[in-house]
Amino acid sequence: MNSLQKSKKPRLKKAYIEITNVCNLQCDFCPKTKRAPKFLTVPEFEHVIEEVSPYTNYIYLHIMGEPLLHENLKDFIEIAGKKNIKVNLTTNGTLLSPEKEYLLNLSALRQINISLHSFEANEHNLTLHDYVKSVMGFIKKATEQSDILCSVRLWNMDFGDLKGANSLNREIIQLIESELEIKESLEEKLCKEHSCKVGHNVYFNMAQKFEWPDVNRDMLQSEVFCYGLRDQIGILVDGTVVPCCLDSEGTINLGNIYKQNLDMILSSERAKMVYDGFSRRVAVEELCKRCGYATRF
């Protein structure tokens, strides 16, 4: 009997909630989405939180889309806080302007992940210096005025034949050193560890570019382990529940959270087959056999 079959509800480390699938950028590493553009409503978000709150203490406002585009973001974080759920936010950082500093006063906001690799993958009206300076300015205020964790990401390193847009990495790192007044060489630390703490509640990590799963790609491998349904689930903006945050099109549709309760969805035959398969290191879903990220486990 696996944990999805037990009467006690499983405790997930996190649930990814897509509050919008609309983005203000067109990054080359992002698979984009063919789904209709949508923004979650407040009643919809309240329903989702009510369903996930027995399962986890942490949500991530991220799958597709840029969450800072949502006009109700502040309301969403406060709603989660009333259920004692901590919120982690992933953003490309281009919208971390002064009017977004209300985020620093939200006690439920635990962490902001900022994907600096978004800059090189797009055409901008602003300069790299202005972009990094704006992001670092927000981070400095966050560390001075709140307990929010800030994680700066450069997830664009080459991985085998997969090349990332990373020619600006050295310049980005130097700008971070300057803006945060870091005396030691970040580049040297990252070459050794790929992840490091660079200040109070500020972390920097680099990672290799990966290919998102795609059912139209040749199969990579069937022997796969994944934390989908074990540590995490994803909920798309239309309510579709998926095993993990990389199923950006809802290919592995386990059910809809607006039509079924989450307990029923996670107890479904399809969910149990996915979970039990990963327990045996077997990908039972065609999408999982074609996931470039899962090959790293």
Protein backbone atom coordinates (compact mmCIF):
# COMPACT_ATOMS: atom_id res chain seq x y z
CA MET A 1 0.00 0.00 0.00
CA ASN A 2 1.51 3.35 -1.00
CA SER A 3 1.00 6.65 0.80
CA LEU A 4 -1.69 7.71 -1.68
CA GLN A 5 -3.78 4.73 -0.63
CA LYS A 6 -3.60 5.33 3.10
CA SER A 7 -6.46 7.01 4.89
CA LYS A 8 -4.09 9.64 6.26
CA LYS A 9 -3.65 12.45 3.76
CA PRO A 10 -0.13 12.69 2.33
CA ARG A 11 1.99 15.63 3.37
CA LEU A 12 3.59 17.29 0.36
CA LYS A 13 6.62 19.52 0.65
CA LYS A 14 5.03 21.98 -1.75
CA ALA A 15 2.24 22.67 -4.19
CA TYR A 16 2.87 24.73 -7.30
CA ILE A 17 -0.05 27.02 -8.09
CA GLU A 18 -0.19 28.82 -11.42
CA ILE A 19 -2.02 32.09 -10.79
CA THR A 20 -1.57 33.10 -14.43
CA ASN A 21 -0.06 31.55 -17.54
CA VAL A 22 0.61 35.00 -19.04
CA CYS A 23 4.16 36.37 -19.10
CA ASN A 24 5.72 39.68 -20.08
CA LEU A 25 8.77 37.96 -21.63
CA GLN A 26 9.49 35.34 -24.30
CA CYS A 27 12.42 33.39 -22.88
CA ASP A 28 14.14 30.86 -25.14
CA PHE A 29 14.40 28.28 -22.32
CA CYS A 30 10.66 28.40 -21.64
CA PRO A 31 8.40 25.97 -23.57
CA LYS A 32 5.60 28.59 -23.77
CA THR A 33 2.03 27.34 -23.51
CA LYS A 34 -0.69 26.66 -26.02
CA ARG A 35 -3.35 27.01 -23.33
CA ALA A 36 -5.76 29.94 -23.36
CA PRO A 37 -4.43 32.92 -21.35
CA LYS A 38 -6.03 33.20 -17.94
CA PHE A 39 -5.66 34.92 -14.57
CA LEU A 40 -6.90 33.14 -11.45
CA THR A 41 -9.78 34.91 -9.69
CA VAL A 42 -9.85 35.50 -5.95
CA PRO A 43 -12.68 32.95 -5.37
CA GLU A 44 -10.76 30.39 -7.44
CA PHE A 45 -7.60 30.94 -5.43
CA GLU A 46 -9.53 30.67 -2.16
CA HIS A 47 -10.91 27.33 -3.32
CA VAL A 48 -7.47 26.04 -4.31
CA ILE A 49 -5.98 27.06 -0.95
CA GLU A 50 -8.84 25.40 0.90
CA GLU A 51 -8.09 22.17 -0.98
CA VAL A 52 -4.29 22.17 -0.62
CA SER A 53 -4.04 23.41 2.97
CA PRO A 54 -4.46 19.92 4.51
CA TYR A 55 -1.59 18.67 2.35
CA THR A 56 1.20 21.19 2.61
CA ASN A 57 2.52 24.25 4.44
CA TYR A 58 4.21 25.73 1.36
CA ILE A 59 3.00 26.89 -2.02
CA TYR A 60 5.00 28.14 -5.00
CA LEU A 61 3.30 30.67 -7.25
CA HIS A 62 4.94 29.38 -10.37
CA ILE A 63 4.50 27.03 -13.31
CA MET A 64 4.02 29.16 -16.40
CA GLY A 65 3.53 32.92 -16.44
CA GLU A 66 4.84 35.87 -14.43
CA PRO A 67 3.03 36.11 -11.08
CA LEU A 68 3.89 39.80 -10.61
CA LEU A 69 1.55 40.57 -13.51
CA HIS A 70 -1.42 39.54 -11.37
CA GLU A 71 -3.32 42.45 -9.85
CA ASN A 72 -4.53 40.29 -6.95
CA LEU A 73 -1.11 38.94 -5.94
CA LYS A 74 -1.21 40.73 -2.57
CA ASP A 75 -4.67 39.29 -1.83
CA PHE A 76 -3.50 35.79 -2.76
CA ILE A 77 -0.52 35.89 -0.40
CA GLU A 78 -2.70 37.18 2.44
CA ILE A 79 -5.30 34.45 1.79
CA ALA A 80 -2.57 31.81 2.00
CA GLY A 81 -1.28 33.35 5.23
CA LYS A 82 -4.69 33.00 6.87
CA LYS A 83 -4.37 29.25 6.28
CA ASN A 84 -0.85 29.26 7.78
CA ILE A 85 0.66 28.57 4.38
CA LYS A 86 3.98 30.14 3.45
CA VAL A 87 4.36 31.48 -0.09
CA ASN A 88 7.36 31.21 -2.41
CA LEU A 89 7.36 33.41 -5.48
CA THR A 90 9.33 32.93 -8.71
CA THR A 91 9.76 35.92 -11.01
CA ASN A 92 11.91 37.13 -13.88
CA GLY A 93 12.57 40.26 -11.82
CA THR A 94 11.66 42.81 -14.48
CA LEU A 95 8.60 43.95 -12.50
CA LEU A 96 10.29 44.31 -9.10
CA SER A 97 9.76 48.07 -9.23
CA PRO A 98 9.10 50.31 -6.20
CA GLU A 99 5.33 49.74 -6.42
CA LYS A 100 5.98 46.05 -5.72
CA GLU A 101 7.60 46.81 -2.38
CA TYR A 102 4.27 45.99 -0.69
CA LEU A 103 5.59 42.42 -0.90
CA LEU A 104 8.03 43.22 1.90
CA ASN A 105 5.15 43.74 4.35
CA LEU A 106 3.45 40.39 3.71
CA SER A 107 4.27 38.02 6.55
CA ALA A 108 3.21 34.93 4.57
CA LEU A 109 5.80 35.58 1.84
CA ARG A 110 8.73 33.32 2.63
CA GLN A 111 10.98 33.49 -0.44
CA ILE A 112 11.42 35.27 -3.76
CA ASN A 113 13.30 33.43 -6.52
CA ILE A 114 14.61 35.74 -9.23
CA SER A 115 15.61 34.23 -12.57
CA LEU A 116 18.34 36.55 -13.85
CA HIS A 117 18.90 34.26 -16.86
CA SER A 118 15.67 35.75 -18.24
CA PHE A 119 17.51 38.90 -19.34
CA GLU A 120 19.82 37.40 -21.93
CA ALA A 121 17.01 35.34 -23.45
CA ASN A 122 14.98 38.44 -24.37
CA GLU A 123 15.22 41.81 -26.04
CA HIS A 124 14.85 44.68 -23.58
CA ASN A 125 14.46 48.41 -23.55
CA LEU A 126 16.45 48.55 -20.31
CA THR A 127 20.16 47.86 -20.02
CA LEU A 128 21.67 44.91 -18.18
CA HIS A 129 23.08 47.32 -15.60
CA ASP A 130 19.67 48.89 -14.96
CA TYR A 131 18.04 45.46 -14.71
CA VAL A 132 20.54 44.03 -12.23
CA LYS A 133 20.64 47.29 -10.25
CA SER A 134 16.85 47.30 -9.94
CA VAL A 135 16.75 43.68 -8.77
CA MET A 136 19.60 44.18 -6.30
CA GLY A 137 17.94 47.33 -5.00
CA PHE A 138 14.81 45.33 -4.23
CA ILE A 139 16.87 42.61 -2.57
CA LYS A 140 18.69 45.13 -0.36
CA LYS A 141 15.38 46.54 0.84
CA ALA A 142 14.06 43.02 1.41
CA THR A 143 17.00 42.12 3.64
CA GLU A 144 16.76 45.40 5.54
CA GLN A 145 13.01 45.50 6.04
CA SER A 146 11.87 41.86 6.15
CA ASP A 147 12.82 38.24 6.78
CA ILE A 148 12.13 37.25 3.16
CA LEU A 149 14.68 34.93 1.59
CA CYS A 150 15.98 36.05 -1.79
CA SER A 151 17.39 33.51 -4.23
CA VAL A 152 19.11 34.80 -7.35
CA ARG A 153 19.33 32.28 -10.19
CA LEU A 154 21.40 31.81 -13.30
CA TRP A 155 20.00 28.57 -14.67
CA ASN A 156 21.64 28.81 -18.08
CA MET A 157 24.80 26.72 -17.95
CA ASP A 158 25.59 24.40 -20.85
CA PHE A 159 24.59 20.76 -20.37
CA GLY A 160 26.16 18.43 -22.92
CA ASP A 161 24.88 19.46 -26.34
CA LEU A 162 22.30 21.76 -24.76
CA LYS A 163 23.63 25.31 -24.89
CA GLY A 164 22.33 28.06 -22.65
CA ALA A 165 22.31 31.81 -23.27
CA ASN A 166 25.07 32.60 -20.79
CA SER A 167 27.57 34.97 -22.39
CA LEU A 168 26.56 37.74 -19.96
CA ASN A 169 27.01 35.65 -16.80
CA ARG A 170 30.40 37.09 -15.87
CA GLU A 171 29.10 40.65 -16.28
CA ILE A 172 25.99 39.83 -14.24
CA ILE A 173 28.10 38.35 -11.44
CA GLN A 174 30.36 41.41 -11.39
CA LEU A 175 27.35 43.72 -11.21
CA ILE A 176 25.96 41.72 -8.28
CA GLU A 177 29.31 41.95 -6.49
CA SER A 178 29.29 45.71 -6.99
CA GLU A 179 25.65 46.33 -6.02
CA LEU A 180 25.75 44.10 -2.92
CA GLU A 181 29.30 45.20 -2.03
CA ILE A 182 30.61 41.64 -2.00
CA LYS A 183 34.38 41.62 -1.46
CA GLU A 184 35.18 38.02 -2.38
CA SER A 185 34.94 36.56 -5.87
CA LEU A 186 31.48 35.17 -6.52
CA GLU A 187 32.70 33.52 -9.68
CA GLU A 188 35.30 31.50 -7.79
CA LYS A 189 32.77 30.39 -5.18
CA LEU A 190 30.22 29.40 -7.79
CA CYS A 191 32.78 27.42 -9.79
CA LYS A 192 33.33 25.27 -6.71
CA GLU A 193 29.84 25.03 -5.27
CA HIS A 194 27.31 26.34 -7.88
CA SER A 195 25.37 27.66 -4.89
CA CYS A 196 26.36 30.01 -2.11
CA LYS A 197 25.12 32.52 0.43
CA VAL A 198 26.13 36.05 -0.52
CA GLY A 199 24.57 38.04 2.30
CA HIS A 200 21.89 38.06 4.96
CA ASN A 201 19.00 36.00 3.53
CA VAL A 202 20.48 36.27 0.03
CA TYR A 203 21.51 33.21 -1.97
CA PHE A 204 22.99 32.77 -5.42
CA ASN A 205 22.86 29.58 -7.45
CA MET A 206 23.78 28.47 -10.93
CA ALA A 207 22.42 25.42 -12.71
CA GLN A 208 22.48 23.80 -16.12
CA LYS A 209 19.84 24.47 -18.70
CA PHE A 210 17.40 21.60 -19.06
CA GLU A 211 14.84 20.51 -21.64
CA TRP A 212 11.22 20.58 -20.57
CA PRO A 213 9.33 17.31 -21.08
CA ASP A 214 7.61 17.01 -24.44
CA VAL A 215 5.52 14.05 -25.63
CA ASN A 216 6.59 14.78 -29.21
CA ARG A 217 10.28 14.26 -28.42
CA ASP A 218 12.08 10.92 -28.74
CA MET A 219 12.01 8.91 -25.54
CA LEU A 220 14.96 9.66 -23.26
CA GLN A 221 14.57 6.79 -20.81
CA SER A 222 11.90 4.74 -19.09
CA GLU A 223 13.92 4.18 -15.90
CA VAL A 224 13.11 7.42 -14.12
CA PHE A 225 12.67 8.64 -10.57
CA CYS A 226 10.77 11.84 -9.86
CA TYR A 227 9.44 13.65 -6.82
CA GLY A 228 6.13 14.30 -8.56
CA LEU A 229 3.22 13.27 -6.27
CA ARG A 230 5.81 12.37 -3.63
CA ASP A 231 6.97 15.84 -2.66
CA GLN A 232 4.96 18.06 -4.96
CA ILE A 233 1.96 18.60 -7.20
CA GLY A 234 1.12 21.33 -9.68
CA ILE A 235 -2.20 23.09 -10.21
CA LEU A 236 -2.62 24.90 -13.51
CA VAL A 237 -4.60 28.12 -13.80
CA ASP A 238 -7.63 26.26 -15.17
CA GLY A 239 -7.66 23.91 -12.16
CA THR A 240 -5.95 20.93 -13.80
CA VAL A 241 -3.89 18.96 -11.26
CA VAL A 242 -0.60 17.52 -12.54
CA PRO A 243 2.15 15.52 -10.81
CA CYS A 244 4.86 18.17 -11.05
CA CYS A 245 5.69 21.72 -12.04
CA LEU A 246 7.14 20.73 -15.44
CA ASP A 247 3.88 19.48 -16.92
CA SER A 248 3.18 22.89 -18.41
CA GLU A 249 0.39 21.75 -20.74
CA GLY A 250 -1.50 19.50 -18.33
CA THR A 251 -0.59 16.37 -20.29
CA ILE A 252 -0.84 14.16 -17.19
CA ASN A 253 -4.28 15.40 -16.21
CA LEU A 254 -5.13 13.84 -12.84
CA GLY A 255 -8.37 15.77 -12.46
CA ASN A 256 -9.70 19.28 -11.98
CA ILE A 257 -9.67 20.84 -8.54
CA TYR A 258 -12.87 22.79 -9.32
CA LYS A 259 -14.76 19.62 -10.18
CA GLN A 260 -13.28 17.10 -7.70
CA ASN A 261 -11.72 17.42 -4.27
CA LEU A 262 -7.96 16.98 -4.07
CA ASP A 263 -8.28 13.83 -1.96
CA MET A 264 -10.20 12.13 -4.78
CA ILE A 265 -7.73 13.35 -7.40
CA LEU A 266 -4.67 12.06 -5.54
CA SER A 267 -6.40 8.75 -4.88
CA SER A 268 -7.23 8.21 -8.55
CA GLU A 269 -5.93 5.16 -10.39
CA ARG A 270 -3.76 7.30 -12.67
CA ALA A 271 -2.14 9.09 -9.73
CA LYS A 272 -1.45 5.82 -7.95
CA MET A 273 0.12 4.33 -11.07
CA VAL A 274 2.44 7.35 -11.47
CA TYR A 275 3.45 7.24 -7.80
CA ASP A 276 4.01 3.49 -7.67
CA GLY A 277 5.92 3.63 -10.95
CA PHE A 278 8.40 6.16 -9.60
CA SER A 279 8.80 4.00 -6.48
CA ARG A 280 10.11 1.30 -8.85
CA ARG A 281 12.06 3.91 -10.88
CA VAL A 282 9.71 3.31 -13.81
CA ALA A 283 8.06 6.11 -15.81
CA VAL A 284 4.54 4.95 -16.63
CA GLU A 285 3.56 8.18 -18.39
CA GLU A 286 4.88 8.96 -21.87
CA LEU A 287 5.66 12.54 -20.85
CA CYS A 288 7.86 11.37 -17.96
CA LYS A 289 9.88 9.21 -20.35
CA ARG A 290 10.72 12.38 -22.25
CA CYS A 291 11.70 14.65 -19.35
CA GLY A 292 15.19 16.09 -19.54
CA TYR A 293 15.08 17.23 -15.93
CA ALA A 294 14.22 13.80 -14.48
CA THR A 295 17.39 12.32 -15.99
CA ARG A 296 19.34 14.14 -13.26
CA PHE A 297 17.92 12.12 -10.38
